[in-house]
Amino acid sequence: MKDKIKRMLALLKQNRYMIFYTIVFIIYMIVTFTLLINHENYCNEAQAWMISKELGFFGIYKQMYWEGHPCLWQWILMPFAHLGFPYHTMNFISWGICLITVLLLFKKSPFNPIANAIIVFSVPLLYNYSALSRNYCLIPLVLILLAINYKNRHEHPIRYILLILLLAWTHVVMWGMVGGLLILFYYEEIIKNHKTNTKEQKKKVYLSLLIIIAGLLLVLIPIGLGVSHNYLIRTEYNREKYYILRSISKYVFGINANLEMCINILLGITIVFGLYELIFYHKSFIILL
């Protein structure tokens, strides 16, 4: 009897991480599914579905001019919408993407199990990306795929660049990181490792450069052209941005400062932080920039 208990305890100890991750994943599935079925879709979620349903592949691409967002999410929804799937299908698509993201995190992350559990039960993965059916859900999935391929980026530059391009097509909020990753990668390949790279490696690098330029132009041109013509972007967004800055000056700094003063204070903090990053953490500074 004692031997059986010892063997059982040894088995549990050996598989403790798998057991822990299984429990966390089941809890995550239950909580997010409960949030999903009780979530009432907003108009911006519904708009993505209607665009996918009413327009074809190139029509969705042209719609970027008015949307101000990359259209990868609408392209993913398009087959389901055109085949007559119910409206709430998109909720289960975003939920499924988040489940895959969590599984990849558990399998590939170098962090300890507690840190992974904290990431999983953070607000974005728990609600913003899983229950809300928006293009946000694509961001953590692509970021994890990028992290998995980061170590082998020099051996497989085209695969790495395609993932960066995929990130650019998820959401405009990721364009800063896309720029940082590209600057860092091509600095390493074209400047730092240029002499040591083989001819075959150089061909792959320059081919990847052509791919990323073409892919970025395809997404940047329609959105860039649409910005100056979009009434909502010109008015409502700017109004909200100034309101946020004034709120920061009032509640964070404790003063009812004007907009210019608030901007100068925030700019000063940003410059100090940027200089610190530049001196002590060169790579992270490039990505931050």
Protein backbone atom coordinates (compact mmCIF):
# COMPACT_ATOMS: atom_id res chain seq x y z
CA MET A 1 0.00 0.00 0.00
CA LYS A 2 2.80 2.39 0.92
CA ASP A 3 4.61 1.56 -2.33
CA LYS A 4 1.49 2.37 -4.33
CA ILE A 5 1.09 5.71 -2.56
CA LYS A 6 4.76 6.51 -3.16
CA ARG A 7 4.45 5.62 -6.86
CA MET A 8 1.31 7.75 -7.12
CA LEU A 9 2.97 10.71 -5.43
CA ALA A 10 6.03 10.31 -7.66
CA LEU A 11 3.78 10.22 -10.72
CA LEU A 12 1.94 13.34 -9.58
CA LYS A 13 5.22 15.12 -8.95
CA GLN A 14 6.52 14.10 -12.37
CA ASN A 15 3.40 15.38 -14.13
CA ARG A 16 2.64 18.31 -11.83
CA TYR A 17 3.07 20.94 -14.54
CA MET A 18 0.76 19.12 -16.94
CA ILE A 19 -1.86 18.71 -14.20
CA PHE A 20 -1.57 22.38 -13.23
CA TYR A 21 -1.90 23.56 -16.84
CA THR A 22 -4.86 21.24 -17.44
CA ILE A 23 -6.72 22.65 -14.42
CA VAL A 24 -5.91 26.24 -15.45
CA PHE A 25 -7.01 25.59 -19.02
CA ILE A 26 -10.33 24.04 -17.95
CA ILE A 27 -11.05 26.98 -15.63
CA TYR A 28 -10.12 29.39 -18.42
CA MET A 29 -12.46 27.62 -20.86
CA ILE A 30 -15.38 27.70 -18.40
CA VAL A 31 -14.92 31.35 -17.42
CA THR A 32 -14.41 32.66 -20.97
CA PHE A 33 -17.30 30.59 -22.35
CA THR A 34 -19.58 32.00 -19.63
CA LEU A 35 -18.48 35.53 -20.52
CA LEU A 36 -18.93 34.79 -24.23
CA ILE A 37 -22.53 33.55 -24.03
CA ASN A 38 -23.50 36.50 -21.80
CA HIS A 39 -21.79 39.14 -23.93
CA GLU A 40 -23.99 41.36 -26.10
CA ASN A 41 -22.03 42.33 -29.20
CA TYR A 42 -21.25 45.98 -29.76
CA CYS A 43 -21.88 47.79 -33.03
CA ASN A 44 -18.20 47.63 -34.04
CA GLU A 45 -18.25 43.83 -33.68
CA ALA A 46 -21.43 43.64 -35.73
CA GLN A 47 -19.93 45.93 -38.37
CA ALA A 48 -17.02 43.55 -38.98
CA TRP A 49 -19.46 40.67 -39.52
CA MET A 50 -21.65 42.69 -41.90
CA ILE A 51 -18.62 43.78 -43.93
CA SER A 52 -17.53 40.14 -44.18
CA LYS A 53 -21.04 39.07 -45.17
CA GLU A 54 -21.86 41.75 -47.74
CA LEU A 55 -18.48 42.24 -49.46
CA GLY A 56 -16.12 39.98 -51.35
CA PHE A 57 -12.38 39.54 -50.87
CA PHE A 58 -11.35 42.70 -52.75
CA GLY A 59 -14.37 44.64 -51.49
CA ILE A 60 -13.22 44.01 -47.91
CA TYR A 61 -9.74 45.20 -48.90
CA LYS A 62 -11.13 48.46 -50.34
CA GLN A 63 -13.18 48.97 -47.17
CA MET A 64 -9.94 49.55 -45.25
CA TYR A 65 -10.01 53.08 -46.68
CA TRP A 66 -13.05 53.83 -44.50
CA GLU A 67 -12.41 51.47 -41.59
CA GLY A 68 -8.92 52.61 -40.66
CA HIS A 69 -8.01 49.03 -39.69
CA PRO A 70 -6.31 46.13 -41.50
CA CYS A 71 -8.82 43.67 -42.92
CA LEU A 72 -7.30 40.33 -41.82
CA TRP A 73 -10.09 39.79 -39.27
CA GLN A 74 -12.82 40.38 -41.86
CA TRP A 75 -11.10 37.98 -44.26
CA ILE A 76 -11.13 35.30 -41.55
CA LEU A 77 -14.85 35.90 -40.93
CA MET A 78 -15.73 36.06 -44.64
CA PRO A 79 -16.04 32.30 -45.41
CA PHE A 80 -18.31 31.73 -42.39
CA ALA A 81 -20.46 34.79 -43.15
CA HIS A 82 -20.83 33.89 -46.84
CA LEU A 83 -21.74 30.28 -46.06
CA GLY A 84 -24.68 31.44 -43.91
CA PHE A 85 -23.27 30.68 -40.46
CA PRO A 86 -25.15 32.45 -37.63
CA TYR A 87 -24.04 35.89 -36.46
CA HIS A 88 -22.58 34.67 -33.16
CA THR A 89 -20.16 32.40 -35.01
CA MET A 90 -17.59 35.18 -34.82
CA ASN A 91 -17.71 35.01 -31.00
CA PHE A 92 -16.67 31.38 -31.12
CA ILE A 93 -13.95 32.15 -33.68
CA SER A 94 -12.32 34.72 -31.38
CA TRP A 95 -12.78 32.34 -28.43
CA GLY A 96 -11.14 29.49 -30.36
CA ILE A 97 -8.20 31.70 -31.32
CA CYS A 98 -7.68 32.57 -27.65
CA LEU A 99 -7.79 28.89 -26.66
CA ILE A 100 -5.07 28.12 -29.22
CA THR A 101 -3.05 31.07 -27.90
CA VAL A 102 -3.27 29.79 -24.33
CA LEU A 103 -2.23 26.26 -25.37
CA LEU A 104 0.80 27.64 -27.24
CA LEU A 105 1.69 29.76 -24.21
CA PHE A 106 1.61 26.72 -21.93
CA LYS A 107 3.61 24.58 -24.36
CA LYS A 108 6.29 27.06 -25.50
CA SER A 109 6.59 29.77 -22.85
CA PRO A 110 9.86 29.87 -20.82
CA PHE A 111 8.00 31.40 -17.85
CA ASN A 112 7.11 29.40 -14.76
CA PRO A 113 3.53 28.04 -14.46
CA ILE A 114 2.38 30.73 -12.02
CA ALA A 115 3.51 33.50 -14.39
CA ASN A 116 1.74 31.79 -17.29
CA ALA A 117 -1.45 31.49 -15.22
CA ILE A 118 -1.28 35.22 -14.37
CA ILE A 119 -0.96 36.04 -18.08
CA VAL A 120 -3.91 33.79 -18.96
CA PHE A 121 -6.17 35.30 -16.30
CA SER A 122 -5.28 38.88 -17.17
CA VAL A 123 -8.12 41.06 -18.46
CA PRO A 124 -7.16 40.98 -22.17
CA LEU A 125 -7.05 37.20 -22.54
CA LEU A 126 -9.87 36.62 -20.10
CA TYR A 127 -12.35 39.05 -21.67
CA ASN A 128 -11.11 41.62 -24.21
CA TYR A 129 -9.74 39.05 -26.66
CA SER A 130 -11.98 36.06 -25.97
CA ALA A 131 -15.50 37.40 -25.36
CA LEU A 132 -15.21 40.48 -27.59
CA SER A 133 -15.19 39.51 -31.27
CA ARG A 134 -12.65 41.97 -32.60
CA ASN A 135 -9.34 41.81 -34.43
CA TYR A 136 -7.57 42.16 -31.06
CA CYS A 137 -7.77 38.39 -30.56
CA LEU A 138 -5.26 37.88 -33.39
CA ILE A 139 -2.55 39.94 -31.69
CA PRO A 140 -1.46 37.57 -28.85
CA LEU A 141 -1.55 34.56 -31.19
CA VAL A 142 0.79 36.18 -33.72
CA LEU A 143 3.03 37.55 -30.95
CA ILE A 144 3.47 34.06 -29.50
CA LEU A 145 4.24 32.64 -32.95
CA LEU A 146 6.83 35.39 -33.38
CA ALA A 147 8.35 34.61 -29.98
CA ILE A 148 8.55 30.90 -30.87
CA ASN A 149 10.37 31.68 -34.13
CA TYR A 150 12.56 34.47 -32.75
CA LYS A 151 15.56 32.28 -31.93
CA ASN A 152 15.61 30.85 -35.47
CA ARG A 153 14.95 34.15 -37.26
CA HIS A 154 18.38 34.15 -38.95
CA GLU A 155 18.01 30.56 -40.19
CA HIS A 156 14.45 31.16 -41.44
CA PRO A 157 14.21 34.90 -42.25
CA ILE A 158 11.28 34.59 -44.67
CA ARG A 159 9.13 32.75 -42.12
CA TYR A 160 9.99 35.33 -39.46
CA ILE A 161 9.22 38.27 -41.76
CA LEU A 162 5.91 36.72 -42.83
CA LEU A 163 4.90 36.57 -39.16
CA ILE A 164 5.85 40.24 -38.69
CA LEU A 165 3.77 41.05 -41.78
CA LEU A 166 0.89 39.07 -40.31
CA LEU A 167 1.20 41.16 -37.13
CA ALA A 168 0.98 44.34 -39.23
CA TRP A 169 -2.28 43.07 -40.71
CA THR A 170 -3.90 42.42 -37.32
CA HIS A 171 -4.29 45.95 -35.93
CA VAL A 172 -2.79 49.41 -36.41
CA VAL A 173 -1.83 49.50 -32.72
CA MET A 174 0.90 46.94 -33.51
CA TRP A 175 2.59 48.98 -36.23
CA GLY A 176 5.07 50.49 -33.78
CA MET A 177 6.24 47.04 -32.70
CA VAL A 178 6.34 45.92 -36.33
CA GLY A 179 8.66 48.83 -37.14
CA GLY A 180 10.90 48.08 -34.16
CA LEU A 181 11.19 44.38 -34.99
CA LEU A 182 12.00 45.15 -38.64
CA ILE A 183 14.66 47.74 -37.76
CA LEU A 184 16.29 45.31 -35.34
CA PHE A 185 16.17 42.36 -37.76
CA TYR A 186 17.56 44.16 -40.81
CA TYR A 187 20.20 45.90 -38.71
CA GLU A 188 21.41 42.46 -37.64
CA GLU A 189 21.24 40.94 -41.13
CA ILE A 190 22.32 43.77 -43.44
CA ILE A 191 24.78 45.66 -41.23
CA LYS A 192 25.96 43.50 -38.34
CA ASN A 193 26.06 40.04 -39.97
CA HIS A 194 26.53 41.10 -43.59
CA LYS A 195 30.11 39.84 -43.90
CA THR A 196 29.49 36.50 -42.21
CA ASN A 197 26.23 35.65 -44.04
CA THR A 198 26.42 33.20 -46.93
CA LYS A 199 25.12 34.04 -50.43
CA GLU A 200 22.09 31.85 -49.81
CA GLN A 201 21.35 33.65 -46.56
CA LYS A 202 21.70 37.05 -48.22
CA LYS A 203 19.25 36.01 -50.96
CA LYS A 204 16.71 34.99 -48.32
CA VAL A 205 17.16 38.27 -46.45
CA TYR A 206 16.69 40.44 -49.54
CA LEU A 207 13.72 38.34 -50.65
CA SER A 208 12.18 38.83 -47.21
CA LEU A 209 12.79 42.58 -47.59
CA LEU A 210 10.84 42.62 -50.87
CA ILE A 211 8.02 40.64 -49.25
CA ILE A 212 7.71 42.96 -46.26
CA ILE A 213 7.83 46.13 -48.39
CA ALA A 214 5.09 44.83 -50.70
CA GLY A 215 2.97 43.54 -47.80
CA LEU A 216 3.25 46.76 -45.80
CA LEU A 217 2.45 48.95 -48.81
CA LEU A 218 -0.72 46.92 -49.41
CA VAL A 219 -1.96 47.65 -45.89
CA LEU A 220 -0.52 51.15 -45.41
CA ILE A 221 -1.70 52.80 -48.64
CA PRO A 222 -5.50 52.36 -48.29
CA ILE A 223 -5.49 53.16 -44.57
CA GLY A 224 -3.14 56.12 -45.02
CA LEU A 225 -5.23 57.57 -47.84
CA GLY A 226 -8.40 57.13 -45.82
CA VAL A 227 -7.18 58.93 -42.71
CA SER A 228 -7.39 62.43 -44.18
CA HIS A 229 -10.92 61.81 -45.49
CA ASN A 230 -12.41 60.14 -42.43
CA TYR A 231 -14.56 62.59 -40.47
CA LEU A 232 -14.60 60.49 -37.30
CA ILE A 233 -10.82 60.26 -37.18
CA ARG A 234 -10.43 64.02 -37.78
CA THR A 235 -12.90 65.09 -35.09
CA GLU A 236 -14.07 62.54 -32.51
CA TYR A 237 -10.71 60.84 -32.05
CA ASN A 238 -8.84 64.12 -31.58
CA ARG A 239 -11.49 65.39 -29.17
CA GLU A 240 -11.18 62.22 -27.09
CA LYS A 241 -7.37 62.37 -27.18
CA TYR A 242 -7.30 65.93 -25.83
CA TYR A 243 -9.85 65.03 -23.15
CA ILE A 244 -7.60 62.14 -21.99
CA LEU A 245 -4.55 64.42 -21.83
CA ARG A 246 -6.43 67.04 -19.80
CA SER A 247 -7.66 64.32 -17.44
CA ILE A 248 -4.08 63.14 -16.92
CA SER A 249 -2.96 66.67 -16.07
CA LYS A 250 -5.79 67.09 -13.57
CA TYR A 251 -5.89 63.72 -11.78
CA VAL A 252 -2.33 62.42 -12.10
CA PHE A 253 -0.40 65.66 -11.62
CA GLY A 254 -3.03 67.18 -9.33
CA ILE A 255 -3.25 70.40 -11.30
CA ASN A 256 -5.77 71.82 -13.71
CA ALA A 257 -3.07 72.50 -16.28
CA ASN A 258 -3.63 73.48 -19.87
CA LEU A 259 -3.11 71.02 -22.71
CA GLU A 260 0.30 72.33 -23.76
CA MET A 261 1.73 72.03 -20.24
CA CYS A 262 0.42 68.47 -19.92
CA ILE A 263 1.96 67.45 -23.24
CA ASN A 264 5.33 68.95 -22.27
CA ILE A 265 5.38 67.07 -18.95
CA LEU A 266 4.52 63.76 -20.62
CA LEU A 267 7.08 64.41 -23.37
CA GLY A 268 9.76 65.06 -20.74
CA ILE A 269 8.96 61.80 -18.93
CA THR A 270 9.06 59.92 -22.24
CA ILE A 271 12.45 61.38 -23.19
CA VAL A 272 13.98 60.49 -19.79
CA PHE A 273 12.64 56.95 -20.01
CA GLY A 274 13.85 56.65 -23.63
CA LEU A 275 17.38 57.77 -22.70
CA TYR A 276 17.49 55.24 -19.87
CA GLU A 277 16.45 52.50 -22.30
CA LEU A 278 19.03 53.64 -24.88
CA ILE A 279 21.90 53.56 -22.37
CA PHE A 280 21.13 50.26 -20.64
CA TYR A 281 18.88 48.27 -23.01
CA HIS A 282 19.75 48.87 -26.66
CA LYS A 283 17.50 46.24 -28.25
CA SER A 284 14.44 47.11 -26.20
CA PHE A 285 15.00 50.79 -27.04
CA ILE A 286 14.81 50.03 -30.75
CA ILE A 287 11.58 48.12 -30.28
CA LEU A 288 10.19 50.87 -28.02
CA LEU A 289 11.13 53.51 -30.61
